[in-house]
N, C-alpha and C. Protein backbone atom coordinates (compact mmCIF):
# COMPACT_ATOMS: atom_id res chain seq x y z
N UNK A 1 133.63 -9.89 6.21
CA UNK A 1 133.48 -9.73 7.65
C UNK A 1 134.36 -10.70 8.44
N UNK A 2 135.28 -11.41 7.79
CA UNK A 2 136.15 -12.34 8.50
C UNK A 2 136.97 -11.62 9.56
N UNK A 3 137.36 -10.39 9.28
CA UNK A 3 138.18 -9.63 10.23
C UNK A 3 137.41 -9.35 11.51
N UNK A 4 136.09 -9.38 11.43
CA UNK A 4 135.26 -9.07 12.61
C UNK A 4 134.91 -10.30 13.43
N UNK A 5 135.24 -11.49 12.95
CA UNK A 5 134.87 -12.72 13.65
C UNK A 5 135.39 -12.78 15.08
N UNK A 6 136.68 -12.45 15.33
CA UNK A 6 137.16 -12.47 16.72
C UNK A 6 136.36 -11.55 17.63
N UNK A 7 136.04 -10.36 17.14
CA UNK A 7 135.26 -9.41 17.95
C UNK A 7 133.84 -9.93 18.18
N UNK A 8 133.27 -10.59 17.18
CA UNK A 8 131.93 -11.16 17.32
C UNK A 8 131.92 -12.25 18.39
N UNK A 9 132.97 -13.09 18.37
CA UNK A 9 133.08 -14.16 19.36
C UNK A 9 133.25 -13.58 20.76
N UNK A 10 134.03 -12.51 20.86
CA UNK A 10 134.23 -11.86 22.16
C UNK A 10 132.91 -11.26 22.68
N UNK A 11 132.14 -10.71 21.76
CA UNK A 11 130.85 -10.12 22.15
C UNK A 11 129.92 -11.19 22.71
N UNK A 12 129.87 -12.36 22.06
CA UNK A 12 129.02 -13.45 22.53
C UNK A 12 129.53 -14.00 23.86
N UNK A 13 130.86 -14.13 23.97
CA UNK A 13 131.46 -14.66 25.20
C UNK A 13 131.18 -13.75 26.38
N UNK A 14 131.14 -12.44 26.13
CA UNK A 14 130.91 -11.47 27.21
C UNK A 14 129.53 -11.64 27.83
N UNK A 15 128.61 -12.23 27.08
CA UNK A 15 127.24 -12.40 27.57
C UNK A 15 127.00 -13.76 28.21
N UNK A 16 127.98 -14.66 28.06
CA UNK A 16 127.79 -16.05 28.50
C UNK A 16 127.54 -16.18 30.00
N UNK A 17 128.12 -15.28 30.80
CA UNK A 17 127.97 -15.39 32.26
C UNK A 17 126.90 -14.44 32.82
N UNK A 18 126.18 -13.78 31.92
CA UNK A 18 125.11 -12.88 32.38
C UNK A 18 123.78 -13.63 32.31
N UNK A 19 122.98 -13.51 33.33
CA UNK A 19 121.66 -14.13 33.33
C UNK A 19 120.60 -13.10 33.69
N UNK A 20 119.38 -13.51 33.61
CA UNK A 20 118.26 -12.59 33.87
C UNK A 20 118.32 -12.03 35.30
N UNK A 21 118.74 -12.86 36.24
CA UNK A 21 118.80 -12.42 37.64
C UNK A 21 119.78 -11.26 37.82
N UNK A 22 120.94 -11.36 37.14
CA UNK A 22 121.94 -10.29 37.28
C UNK A 22 121.46 -9.01 36.61
N UNK A 23 120.68 -9.15 35.54
CA UNK A 23 120.11 -7.96 34.88
C UNK A 23 119.01 -7.35 35.76
N UNK A 24 118.26 -8.21 36.43
CA UNK A 24 117.20 -7.73 37.33
C UNK A 24 117.79 -6.92 38.48
N UNK A 25 119.01 -7.31 38.91
CA UNK A 25 119.67 -6.58 39.99
C UNK A 25 119.95 -5.14 39.55
N UNK A 26 120.40 -4.99 38.30
CA UNK A 26 120.65 -3.64 37.78
C UNK A 26 119.34 -2.88 37.67
N UNK A 27 118.32 -3.56 37.14
CA UNK A 27 117.02 -2.91 36.93
C UNK A 27 116.40 -2.45 38.25
N UNK A 28 116.72 -3.14 39.32
CA UNK A 28 116.13 -2.80 40.62
C UNK A 28 116.78 -1.58 41.27
N UNK A 29 117.92 -1.15 40.72
CA UNK A 29 118.63 0.00 41.31
C UNK A 29 117.91 1.30 40.97
N UNK A 30 117.52 2.01 41.98
CA UNK A 30 116.85 3.30 41.77
C UNK A 30 117.85 4.38 41.38
N UNK A 31 118.99 4.37 42.03
CA UNK A 31 120.05 5.34 41.73
C UNK A 31 121.38 4.60 41.58
N UNK A 32 121.58 3.94 40.47
CA UNK A 32 122.81 3.16 40.27
C UNK A 32 124.03 4.07 40.10
N UNK A 33 125.21 3.48 40.28
CA UNK A 33 126.46 4.21 40.06
C UNK A 33 126.48 4.71 38.62
N UNK A 34 127.11 5.87 38.40
CA UNK A 34 127.14 6.47 37.07
C UNK A 34 127.76 5.54 36.04
N UNK A 35 128.76 4.76 36.46
CA UNK A 35 129.41 3.82 35.54
C UNK A 35 128.41 2.80 35.01
N UNK A 36 127.52 2.33 35.90
CA UNK A 36 126.50 1.36 35.49
C UNK A 36 125.52 2.02 34.52
N UNK A 37 125.13 3.25 34.85
CA UNK A 37 124.22 3.99 33.96
C UNK A 37 124.86 4.18 32.59
N UNK A 38 126.14 4.55 32.58
CA UNK A 38 126.84 4.79 31.31
C UNK A 38 126.90 3.51 30.47
N UNK A 39 127.22 2.39 31.11
CA UNK A 39 127.29 1.12 30.37
C UNK A 39 125.94 0.77 29.78
N UNK A 40 124.90 0.89 30.59
CA UNK A 40 123.54 0.59 30.09
C UNK A 40 123.13 1.56 28.99
N UNK A 41 123.59 2.81 29.09
CA UNK A 41 123.27 3.79 28.07
C UNK A 41 123.98 3.46 26.76
N UNK A 42 125.22 2.99 26.85
CA UNK A 42 125.96 2.58 25.64
C UNK A 42 125.21 1.44 24.96
N UNK A 43 124.79 0.49 25.76
CA UNK A 43 124.01 -0.65 25.24
C UNK A 43 122.69 -0.15 24.65
N UNK A 44 122.09 0.80 25.31
CA UNK A 44 120.84 1.42 24.88
C UNK A 44 121.00 2.08 23.51
N UNK A 45 122.11 2.77 23.29
CA UNK A 45 122.36 3.43 22.01
C UNK A 45 122.57 2.41 20.88
N UNK A 46 123.16 1.28 21.21
CA UNK A 46 123.45 0.26 20.19
C UNK A 46 122.22 -0.61 19.89
N UNK A 47 121.34 -0.73 20.86
CA UNK A 47 120.17 -1.59 20.71
C UNK A 47 119.26 -1.00 19.61
N UNK A 48 118.98 -1.77 18.56
CA UNK A 48 118.25 -1.22 17.40
C UNK A 48 116.81 -0.78 17.66
N UNK A 49 116.19 -1.28 18.72
CA UNK A 49 114.78 -0.97 18.95
C UNK A 49 114.55 0.32 19.72
N UNK A 50 115.60 0.93 20.24
CA UNK A 50 115.42 2.04 21.16
C UNK A 50 115.22 3.39 20.48
N UNK A 51 114.53 4.28 21.22
CA UNK A 51 114.37 5.67 20.80
C UNK A 51 115.34 6.51 21.62
N UNK A 52 116.30 7.14 20.96
CA UNK A 52 117.39 7.83 21.64
C UNK A 52 117.03 9.21 22.20
N UNK A 53 115.81 9.64 21.97
CA UNK A 53 115.45 10.99 22.41
C UNK A 53 115.41 11.13 23.94
N UNK A 54 115.02 10.05 24.59
CA UNK A 54 114.93 10.07 26.06
C UNK A 54 116.00 9.16 26.65
N UNK A 55 117.03 9.76 27.25
CA UNK A 55 118.13 8.97 27.81
C UNK A 55 118.08 8.91 29.34
N UNK A 56 116.90 9.08 29.87
CA UNK A 56 116.75 8.98 31.33
C UNK A 56 116.93 7.52 31.75
N UNK A 57 117.34 7.31 33.00
CA UNK A 57 117.54 5.96 33.52
C UNK A 57 116.23 5.16 33.43
N UNK A 58 115.13 5.81 33.69
CA UNK A 58 113.83 5.12 33.63
C UNK A 58 113.55 4.61 32.22
N UNK A 59 113.84 5.42 31.21
CA UNK A 59 113.57 5.01 29.82
C UNK A 59 114.56 3.95 29.36
N UNK A 60 115.81 4.07 29.81
CA UNK A 60 116.82 3.06 29.45
C UNK A 60 116.37 1.70 29.98
N UNK A 61 115.88 1.66 31.19
CA UNK A 61 115.41 0.40 31.77
C UNK A 61 114.21 -0.14 30.99
N UNK A 62 113.30 0.75 30.62
CA UNK A 62 112.09 0.32 29.90
C UNK A 62 112.44 -0.30 28.55
N UNK A 63 113.35 0.34 27.82
CA UNK A 63 113.62 -0.07 26.44
C UNK A 63 114.70 -1.14 26.31
N UNK A 64 115.46 -1.38 27.36
CA UNK A 64 116.49 -2.42 27.28
C UNK A 64 116.32 -3.47 28.37
N UNK A 65 116.52 -3.10 29.62
CA UNK A 65 116.51 -4.07 30.72
C UNK A 65 115.15 -4.74 30.89
N UNK A 66 114.09 -4.07 30.54
CA UNK A 66 112.75 -4.66 30.66
C UNK A 66 112.43 -5.63 29.52
N UNK A 67 113.26 -5.62 28.50
CA UNK A 67 113.05 -6.53 27.37
C UNK A 67 113.44 -7.95 27.79
N UNK A 68 112.47 -8.84 27.85
CA UNK A 68 112.73 -10.21 28.31
C UNK A 68 113.65 -10.99 27.36
N UNK A 69 113.77 -10.51 26.13
CA UNK A 69 114.64 -11.18 25.15
C UNK A 69 115.94 -10.41 24.94
N UNK A 70 116.28 -9.54 25.89
CA UNK A 70 117.47 -8.71 25.74
C UNK A 70 118.73 -9.53 25.47
N UNK A 71 119.00 -10.52 26.32
CA UNK A 71 120.22 -11.32 26.15
C UNK A 71 120.22 -12.07 24.82
N UNK A 72 119.08 -12.65 24.47
CA UNK A 72 118.98 -13.38 23.19
C UNK A 72 119.21 -12.42 22.02
N UNK A 73 118.63 -11.23 22.11
CA UNK A 73 118.79 -10.26 21.03
C UNK A 73 120.23 -9.77 20.92
N UNK A 74 120.90 -9.62 22.06
CA UNK A 74 122.30 -9.19 22.04
C UNK A 74 123.20 -10.29 21.47
N UNK A 75 122.89 -11.54 21.81
CA UNK A 75 123.69 -12.66 21.31
C UNK A 75 123.55 -12.83 19.80
N UNK A 76 122.37 -12.51 19.28
CA UNK A 76 122.13 -12.65 17.83
C UNK A 76 122.18 -11.29 17.12
N UNK A 77 122.80 -10.34 17.76
CA UNK A 77 122.84 -8.96 17.26
C UNK A 77 123.46 -8.90 15.86
N UNK A 78 122.78 -8.22 14.96
CA UNK A 78 123.26 -8.03 13.59
C UNK A 78 123.91 -6.66 13.49
N UNK A 79 125.24 -6.64 13.50
CA UNK A 79 125.96 -5.36 13.55
C UNK A 79 125.71 -4.51 12.30
N UNK A 80 125.32 -5.15 11.20
CA UNK A 80 125.07 -4.40 9.96
C UNK A 80 123.84 -3.51 10.09
N UNK A 81 122.99 -3.78 11.11
CA UNK A 81 121.77 -2.98 11.31
C UNK A 81 121.98 -1.88 12.36
N UNK A 82 123.22 -1.74 12.84
CA UNK A 82 123.51 -0.70 13.82
C UNK A 82 123.34 0.67 13.17
N UNK A 83 122.59 1.54 13.82
CA UNK A 83 122.39 2.89 13.29
C UNK A 83 123.63 3.72 13.55
N UNK A 84 124.01 4.51 12.56
CA UNK A 84 125.22 5.32 12.66
C UNK A 84 125.13 6.31 13.82
N UNK A 85 123.96 6.93 13.98
CA UNK A 85 123.81 7.90 15.07
C UNK A 85 123.94 7.21 16.43
N UNK A 86 123.39 6.00 16.53
CA UNK A 86 123.49 5.25 17.78
C UNK A 86 124.92 4.86 18.09
N UNK A 87 125.66 4.43 17.06
CA UNK A 87 127.06 4.04 17.26
C UNK A 87 127.90 5.24 17.70
N UNK A 88 127.65 6.38 17.08
CA UNK A 88 128.41 7.59 17.44
C UNK A 88 128.11 8.03 18.87
N UNK A 89 126.86 7.95 19.28
CA UNK A 89 126.49 8.30 20.65
C UNK A 89 127.10 7.32 21.64
N UNK A 90 127.13 6.04 21.26
CA UNK A 90 127.70 5.02 22.13
C UNK A 90 129.21 5.27 22.33
N UNK A 91 129.89 5.63 21.25
CA UNK A 91 131.33 5.91 21.33
C UNK A 91 131.61 7.10 22.24
N UNK A 92 130.81 8.14 22.11
CA UNK A 92 131.01 9.34 22.93
C UNK A 92 130.77 9.03 24.41
N UNK A 93 129.73 8.24 24.68
CA UNK A 93 129.44 7.88 26.07
C UNK A 93 130.55 6.98 26.63
N UNK A 94 131.11 6.13 25.78
CA UNK A 94 132.20 5.26 26.21
C UNK A 94 133.45 6.08 26.53
N UNK A 95 133.73 7.08 25.72
CA UNK A 95 134.87 7.96 25.98
C UNK A 95 134.69 8.69 27.31
N UNK A 96 133.45 9.12 27.56
CA UNK A 96 133.16 9.81 28.82
C UNK A 96 133.38 8.86 30.01
N UNK A 97 132.90 7.63 29.88
CA UNK A 97 133.04 6.65 30.95
C UNK A 97 134.51 6.38 31.27
N UNK A 98 135.31 6.18 30.23
CA UNK A 98 136.74 5.91 30.42
C UNK A 98 137.42 7.09 31.11
N UNK A 99 137.05 8.29 30.65
CA UNK A 99 137.64 9.50 31.25
C UNK A 99 137.23 9.64 32.72
N UNK A 100 135.96 9.39 33.02
CA UNK A 100 135.46 9.52 34.40
C UNK A 100 136.10 8.49 35.32
N UNK A 101 136.33 7.27 34.81
CA UNK A 101 136.93 6.22 35.63
C UNK A 101 138.44 6.41 35.78
N UNK A 102 139.00 7.15 34.83
CA UNK A 102 140.43 7.43 34.89
C UNK A 102 141.30 6.21 34.70
N UNK A 103 140.88 5.31 33.82
CA UNK A 103 141.68 4.10 33.57
C UNK A 103 141.67 3.79 32.08
N UNK A 104 142.50 2.82 31.69
CA UNK A 104 142.58 2.43 30.29
C UNK A 104 141.35 1.61 29.91
N UNK A 105 141.06 1.56 28.62
CA UNK A 105 139.90 0.82 28.12
C UNK A 105 139.90 -0.63 28.60
N UNK A 106 141.09 -1.25 28.59
CA UNK A 106 141.20 -2.65 28.98
C UNK A 106 140.82 -2.89 30.44
N UNK A 107 140.96 -1.86 31.26
CA UNK A 107 140.70 -2.00 32.69
C UNK A 107 139.24 -1.72 33.06
N UNK A 108 138.51 -1.09 32.15
CA UNK A 108 137.13 -0.68 32.43
C UNK A 108 136.23 -1.86 32.81
N UNK A 109 136.25 -2.99 32.08
CA UNK A 109 135.35 -4.10 32.44
C UNK A 109 135.52 -4.55 33.89
N UNK A 110 136.76 -4.64 34.36
CA UNK A 110 137.01 -5.08 35.73
C UNK A 110 136.49 -4.05 36.73
N UNK A 111 136.75 -2.76 36.45
CA UNK A 111 136.30 -1.69 37.34
C UNK A 111 134.77 -1.68 37.42
N UNK A 112 134.12 -1.79 36.26
CA UNK A 112 132.65 -1.78 36.22
C UNK A 112 132.09 -3.03 36.88
N UNK A 113 132.75 -4.19 36.66
CA UNK A 113 132.27 -5.45 37.23
C UNK A 113 132.28 -5.41 38.75
N UNK A 114 133.20 -4.63 39.33
CA UNK A 114 133.23 -4.49 40.79
C UNK A 114 131.97 -3.79 41.29
N UNK A 115 131.34 -3.01 40.42
CA UNK A 115 130.11 -2.31 40.79
C UNK A 115 128.89 -3.15 40.44
N UNK A 116 129.00 -3.86 39.29
CA UNK A 116 127.93 -4.75 38.84
C UNK A 116 128.53 -5.76 37.87
N UNK A 117 128.44 -7.05 38.23
CA UNK A 117 129.00 -8.10 37.38
C UNK A 117 128.38 -8.06 35.98
N UNK A 118 127.06 -7.92 35.93
CA UNK A 118 126.36 -7.89 34.65
C UNK A 118 126.77 -6.69 33.82
N UNK A 119 126.94 -5.54 34.45
CA UNK A 119 127.34 -4.32 33.73
C UNK A 119 128.73 -4.50 33.12
N UNK A 120 129.62 -5.21 33.87
CA UNK A 120 130.96 -5.48 33.32
C UNK A 120 130.88 -6.31 32.05
N UNK A 121 130.00 -7.31 32.05
CA UNK A 121 129.81 -8.15 30.86
C UNK A 121 129.19 -7.36 29.72
N UNK A 122 128.23 -6.51 30.05
CA UNK A 122 127.58 -5.69 29.02
C UNK A 122 128.59 -4.73 28.38
N UNK A 123 129.51 -4.21 29.20
CA UNK A 123 130.52 -3.30 28.65
C UNK A 123 131.41 -4.03 27.65
N UNK A 124 131.80 -5.27 27.98
CA UNK A 124 132.62 -6.06 27.04
C UNK A 124 131.87 -6.28 25.74
N UNK A 125 130.56 -6.56 25.88
CA UNK A 125 129.74 -6.74 24.66
C UNK A 125 129.73 -5.46 23.84
N UNK A 126 129.60 -4.32 24.52
CA UNK A 126 129.54 -3.03 23.82
C UNK A 126 130.84 -2.74 23.08
N UNK A 127 131.98 -2.95 23.73
CA UNK A 127 133.27 -2.65 23.08
C UNK A 127 133.49 -3.57 21.88
N UNK A 128 133.16 -4.86 22.04
CA UNK A 128 133.33 -5.81 20.93
C UNK A 128 132.39 -5.48 19.78
N UNK A 129 131.17 -5.08 20.12
CA UNK A 129 130.19 -4.74 19.08
C UNK A 129 130.60 -3.49 18.31
N UNK A 130 131.12 -2.51 19.02
CA UNK A 130 131.59 -1.28 18.35
C UNK A 130 132.77 -1.60 17.45
N UNK A 131 133.65 -2.50 17.89
CA UNK A 131 134.76 -2.93 17.04
C UNK A 131 134.23 -3.56 15.76
N UNK A 132 133.23 -4.43 15.90
CA UNK A 132 132.60 -5.06 14.73
C UNK A 132 131.97 -4.01 13.82
N UNK A 133 131.33 -3.04 14.43
CA UNK A 133 130.67 -1.98 13.66
C UNK A 133 131.70 -1.21 12.83
N UNK A 134 132.82 -0.86 13.45
CA UNK A 134 133.86 -0.10 12.73
C UNK A 134 134.43 -0.91 11.58
N UNK A 135 134.64 -2.21 11.82
CA UNK A 135 135.15 -3.08 10.75
C UNK A 135 134.14 -3.17 9.63
N UNK A 136 132.87 -3.38 9.99
CA UNK A 136 131.81 -3.50 8.99
C UNK A 136 131.65 -2.21 8.19
N UNK A 137 131.78 -1.08 8.88
CA UNK A 137 131.65 0.23 8.22
C UNK A 137 132.74 0.41 7.17
N UNK A 138 133.92 -0.15 7.44
CA UNK A 138 135.03 -0.03 6.48
C UNK A 138 134.92 -1.05 5.36
N UNK A 139 134.46 -2.24 5.72
CA UNK A 139 134.43 -3.34 4.76
C UNK A 139 133.20 -3.30 3.85
N UNK A 140 132.04 -2.89 4.40
CA UNK A 140 130.78 -2.96 3.67
C UNK A 140 130.82 -2.21 2.33
N UNK A 141 131.35 -0.97 2.27
CA UNK A 141 131.43 -0.27 0.97
C UNK A 141 132.28 -1.05 -0.04
N UNK A 142 133.35 -1.69 0.47
CA UNK A 142 134.21 -2.47 -0.43
C UNK A 142 133.46 -3.70 -0.93
N UNK A 143 132.65 -4.31 -0.05
CA UNK A 143 131.85 -5.47 -0.46
C UNK A 143 130.83 -5.06 -1.51
N UNK A 144 130.19 -3.91 -1.31
CA UNK A 144 129.20 -3.42 -2.26
C UNK A 144 129.86 -3.11 -3.60
N UNK A 145 131.06 -2.49 -3.54
CA UNK A 145 131.79 -2.16 -4.76
C UNK A 145 132.19 -3.43 -5.50
N UNK A 146 132.66 -4.43 -4.74
CA UNK A 146 133.05 -5.70 -5.35
C UNK A 146 131.83 -6.39 -5.97
N UNK A 147 130.70 -6.33 -5.27
CA UNK A 147 129.48 -6.94 -5.78
C UNK A 147 129.02 -6.23 -7.05
N UNK A 148 129.14 -4.90 -7.06
CA UNK A 148 128.76 -4.11 -8.24
C UNK A 148 129.67 -4.46 -9.43
N UNK A 149 130.98 -4.55 -9.15
CA UNK A 149 131.93 -4.88 -10.21
C UNK A 149 131.67 -6.29 -10.74
N UNK A 150 131.35 -7.21 -9.84
CA UNK A 150 131.07 -8.58 -10.24
C UNK A 150 129.81 -8.64 -11.08
N UNK A 151 128.79 -7.85 -10.69
CA UNK A 151 127.55 -7.81 -11.45
C UNK A 151 127.80 -7.25 -12.86
N UNK A 152 128.62 -6.19 -12.93
CA UNK A 152 128.95 -5.60 -14.23
C UNK A 152 129.75 -6.58 -15.08
N UNK A 153 130.64 -7.34 -14.42
CA UNK A 153 131.44 -8.34 -15.12
C UNK A 153 130.54 -9.43 -15.70
N UNK A 154 129.60 -9.91 -14.86
CA UNK A 154 128.66 -10.94 -15.32
C UNK A 154 127.80 -10.42 -16.47
N UNK A 155 127.38 -9.15 -16.35
CA UNK A 155 126.57 -8.54 -17.41
C UNK A 155 127.38 -8.47 -18.70
N UNK A 156 128.65 -8.04 -18.58
CA UNK A 156 129.52 -7.94 -19.75
C UNK A 156 129.76 -9.30 -20.38
N UNK A 157 129.98 -10.32 -19.53
CA UNK A 157 130.20 -11.67 -20.05
C UNK A 157 128.95 -12.20 -20.76
N UNK A 158 127.78 -11.87 -20.18
CA UNK A 158 126.52 -12.31 -20.79
C UNK A 158 126.32 -11.63 -22.15
N UNK A 159 126.59 -10.32 -22.20
CA UNK A 159 126.44 -9.58 -23.45
C UNK A 159 127.44 -10.08 -24.49
N UNK A 160 128.67 -10.40 -24.04
CA UNK A 160 129.68 -10.91 -24.96
C UNK A 160 129.25 -12.26 -25.53
N UNK A 161 128.72 -13.13 -24.64
CA UNK A 161 128.27 -14.45 -25.08
C UNK A 161 127.13 -14.31 -26.09
N UNK A 162 126.20 -13.37 -25.82
CA UNK A 162 125.08 -13.15 -26.73
C UNK A 162 125.57 -12.61 -28.07
N UNK A 163 126.54 -11.69 -28.01
CA UNK A 163 127.10 -11.12 -29.24
C UNK A 163 127.79 -12.20 -30.06
N UNK A 164 128.56 -13.06 -29.39
CA UNK A 164 129.27 -14.14 -30.09
C UNK A 164 128.27 -15.11 -30.71
N UNK A 165 127.19 -15.38 -29.98
CA UNK A 165 126.15 -16.28 -30.49
C UNK A 165 125.48 -15.68 -31.72
N UNK A 166 125.16 -14.38 -31.63
CA UNK A 166 124.53 -13.68 -32.77
C UNK A 166 125.47 -13.63 -33.96
N UNK A 167 126.77 -13.42 -33.67
CA UNK A 167 127.76 -13.38 -34.76
C UNK A 167 127.87 -14.73 -35.44
N UNK A 168 127.83 -15.78 -34.63
CA UNK A 168 127.90 -17.14 -35.19
C UNK A 168 126.70 -17.41 -36.09
N UNK A 169 125.51 -16.99 -35.62
CA UNK A 169 124.30 -17.17 -36.42
C UNK A 169 124.37 -16.36 -37.71
N UNK A 170 124.89 -15.13 -37.61
CA UNK A 170 125.02 -14.27 -38.79
C UNK A 170 125.99 -14.87 -39.80
N UNK A 171 127.12 -15.36 -39.30
CA UNK A 171 128.11 -15.99 -40.20
C UNK A 171 127.53 -17.22 -40.89
N UNK A 172 126.68 -17.96 -40.13
CA UNK A 172 126.05 -19.14 -40.72
C UNK A 172 125.09 -18.72 -41.83
N UNK A 173 124.33 -17.66 -41.58
CA UNK A 173 123.39 -17.16 -42.59
C UNK A 173 124.13 -16.68 -43.83
N UNK A 174 125.24 -15.95 -43.59
CA UNK A 174 126.03 -15.45 -44.72
C UNK A 174 126.61 -16.61 -45.53
N UNK A 175 127.05 -17.64 -44.79
CA UNK A 175 127.61 -18.81 -45.48
C UNK A 175 126.56 -19.48 -46.34
N UNK A 176 125.32 -19.60 -45.80
CA UNK A 176 124.23 -20.22 -46.55
C UNK A 176 123.85 -19.37 -47.76
N UNK A 177 123.83 -18.04 -47.55
CA UNK A 177 123.50 -17.14 -48.67
C UNK A 177 124.55 -17.22 -49.77
N UNK A 178 125.82 -17.26 -49.35
CA UNK A 178 126.90 -17.35 -50.33
C UNK A 178 126.83 -18.68 -51.08
N UNK A 179 126.47 -19.75 -50.33
CA UNK A 179 126.35 -21.06 -50.97
C UNK A 179 125.21 -21.04 -51.98
N UNK A 180 124.09 -20.44 -51.58
CA UNK A 180 122.94 -20.34 -52.48
C UNK A 180 123.29 -19.46 -53.69
N UNK A 181 124.06 -18.39 -53.40
CA UNK A 181 124.45 -17.49 -54.48
C UNK A 181 125.31 -18.22 -55.50
N UNK A 182 126.21 -19.09 -54.99
CA UNK A 182 127.08 -19.85 -55.89
C UNK A 182 126.26 -20.81 -56.74
N UNK A 183 125.28 -21.48 -56.06
CA UNK A 183 124.42 -22.40 -56.80
C UNK A 183 123.65 -21.65 -57.88
N UNK A 184 123.08 -20.49 -57.49
CA UNK A 184 122.33 -19.69 -58.46
C UNK A 184 123.23 -19.20 -59.58
N UNK A 185 124.47 -18.80 -59.23
CA UNK A 185 125.40 -18.33 -60.25
C UNK A 185 125.78 -19.46 -61.21
N UNK A 186 125.96 -20.66 -60.66
CA UNK A 186 126.30 -21.83 -61.49
C UNK A 186 125.15 -22.13 -62.43
N UNK A 187 123.90 -22.03 -61.91
CA UNK A 187 122.73 -22.28 -62.75
C UNK A 187 122.62 -21.23 -63.85
N UNK A 188 122.90 -19.96 -63.48
CA UNK A 188 122.86 -18.88 -64.46
C UNK A 188 123.92 -19.07 -65.54
N UNK A 189 125.12 -19.47 -65.09
CA UNK A 189 126.20 -19.71 -66.07
C UNK A 189 125.82 -20.84 -67.02
N UNK A 190 125.18 -21.89 -66.47
CA UNK A 190 124.78 -23.02 -67.29
C UNK A 190 123.71 -22.60 -68.31
N UNK A 191 122.77 -21.77 -67.90
CA UNK A 191 121.73 -21.27 -68.80
C UNK A 191 122.34 -20.40 -69.89
N UNK A 192 123.31 -19.56 -69.46
CA UNK A 192 123.96 -18.70 -70.45
C UNK A 192 124.76 -19.54 -71.45
N UNK A 193 125.38 -20.61 -70.92
CA UNK A 193 126.14 -21.49 -71.82
C UNK A 193 125.22 -22.16 -72.84
N UNK A 194 124.06 -22.64 -72.35
CA UNK A 194 123.11 -23.29 -73.22
C UNK A 194 122.55 -22.30 -74.24
N UNK A 195 122.28 -21.05 -73.77
CA UNK A 195 121.74 -20.03 -74.66
C UNK A 195 122.74 -19.72 -75.76
N UNK A 196 124.00 -19.62 -75.37
CA UNK A 196 125.05 -19.34 -76.36
C UNK A 196 125.17 -20.48 -77.36
N UNK A 197 125.10 -21.70 -76.82
CA UNK A 197 125.20 -22.88 -77.68
C UNK A 197 124.03 -22.92 -78.66
N UNK A 198 122.83 -22.63 -78.15
CA UNK A 198 121.65 -22.63 -79.00
C UNK A 198 121.72 -21.51 -80.04
N UNK A 199 122.23 -20.35 -79.66
CA UNK A 199 122.39 -19.23 -80.58
C UNK A 199 123.37 -19.59 -81.68
N UNK A 200 124.48 -20.25 -81.25
CA UNK A 200 125.49 -20.65 -82.25
C UNK A 200 124.88 -21.62 -83.25
N UNK A 201 124.09 -22.60 -82.74
CA UNK A 201 123.47 -23.58 -83.61
C UNK A 201 122.44 -22.91 -84.53
N UNK A 202 121.70 -21.92 -83.97
CA UNK A 202 120.70 -21.22 -84.76
C UNK A 202 121.36 -20.44 -85.89
N UNK A 203 122.46 -19.79 -85.59
CA UNK A 203 123.18 -19.03 -86.61
C UNK A 203 123.72 -19.95 -87.68
N UNK A 204 124.23 -21.08 -87.22
CA UNK A 204 124.78 -22.04 -88.19
C UNK A 204 123.68 -22.56 -89.11
N UNK A 205 122.52 -22.83 -88.55
CA UNK A 205 121.40 -23.36 -89.34
C UNK A 205 120.90 -22.29 -90.31
N UNK A 206 120.86 -21.05 -89.85
CA UNK A 206 120.40 -19.95 -90.71
C UNK A 206 121.34 -19.79 -91.89
N UNK A 207 122.61 -19.86 -91.61
CA UNK A 207 123.60 -19.71 -92.68
C UNK A 207 123.47 -20.84 -93.70
N UNK A 208 123.22 -22.05 -93.14
CA UNK A 208 123.08 -23.21 -94.03
C UNK A 208 121.87 -23.05 -94.95
N UNK A 209 120.77 -22.61 -94.34
CA UNK A 209 119.53 -22.43 -95.11
C UNK A 209 119.69 -21.34 -96.15
N UNK A 210 120.35 -20.25 -95.76
CA UNK A 210 120.58 -19.14 -96.68
C UNK A 210 121.43 -19.61 -97.84
N UNK A 211 122.44 -20.39 -97.53
CA UNK A 211 123.34 -20.88 -98.56
C UNK A 211 122.65 -21.80 -99.52
N UNK A 212 121.81 -22.65 -98.98
CA UNK A 212 121.06 -23.59 -99.82
C UNK A 212 120.06 -22.84 -100.69
N UNK A 213 119.48 -21.76 -100.17
CA UNK A 213 118.49 -21.00 -100.91
C UNK A 213 119.16 -20.28 -102.07
N UNK A 214 120.39 -19.89 -101.93
CA UNK A 214 121.08 -19.15 -102.94
C UNK A 214 121.42 -20.06 -104.12
N UNK A 215 121.56 -21.33 -103.89
CA UNK A 215 121.86 -22.24 -104.96
C UNK A 215 120.61 -22.49 -105.81
């Protein structure tokens, strides 16, 4: 998300000059200019707590402007929790606003601020937040893929280490068995040697006795 840091800073800066009094001024408008309504609606679509089914000015005020923690929530806004449907609706409403005002995106904050200072700041927050959302939408799958690959790599390294450890233990066991086998083979050879020696002596003694008996 490093690429989104500038946009995040811009979003926070856009709210620095907005206070509760300026938001109350918007909330007090019974029939605000369409540009103000559009800006508040864009904010309404991005705000995670809202129900998008009712986009009336009365409901927008209830679910956003009436929230006493609105500014704090916008300043600490987690773009990763932005709903895709809300972001898409916000983008469409923003396109409509730009078209209706007949000016470039960069000029919209100034034009809106002439109608309402707070609305101009909210619009800057909305544009910066949507920029962050688009960056996050592109980066997040790559982060998940990288995390998955890293997890698989760690799993493979763990399995390799376990296999090497088991192989080392197996080789040690084989070495001990071979050593024991050699000891047992040496003992068997020694017994066979003694048996042969005793057989040779027995045969020699038998021959001697037979020879003596014949005399």
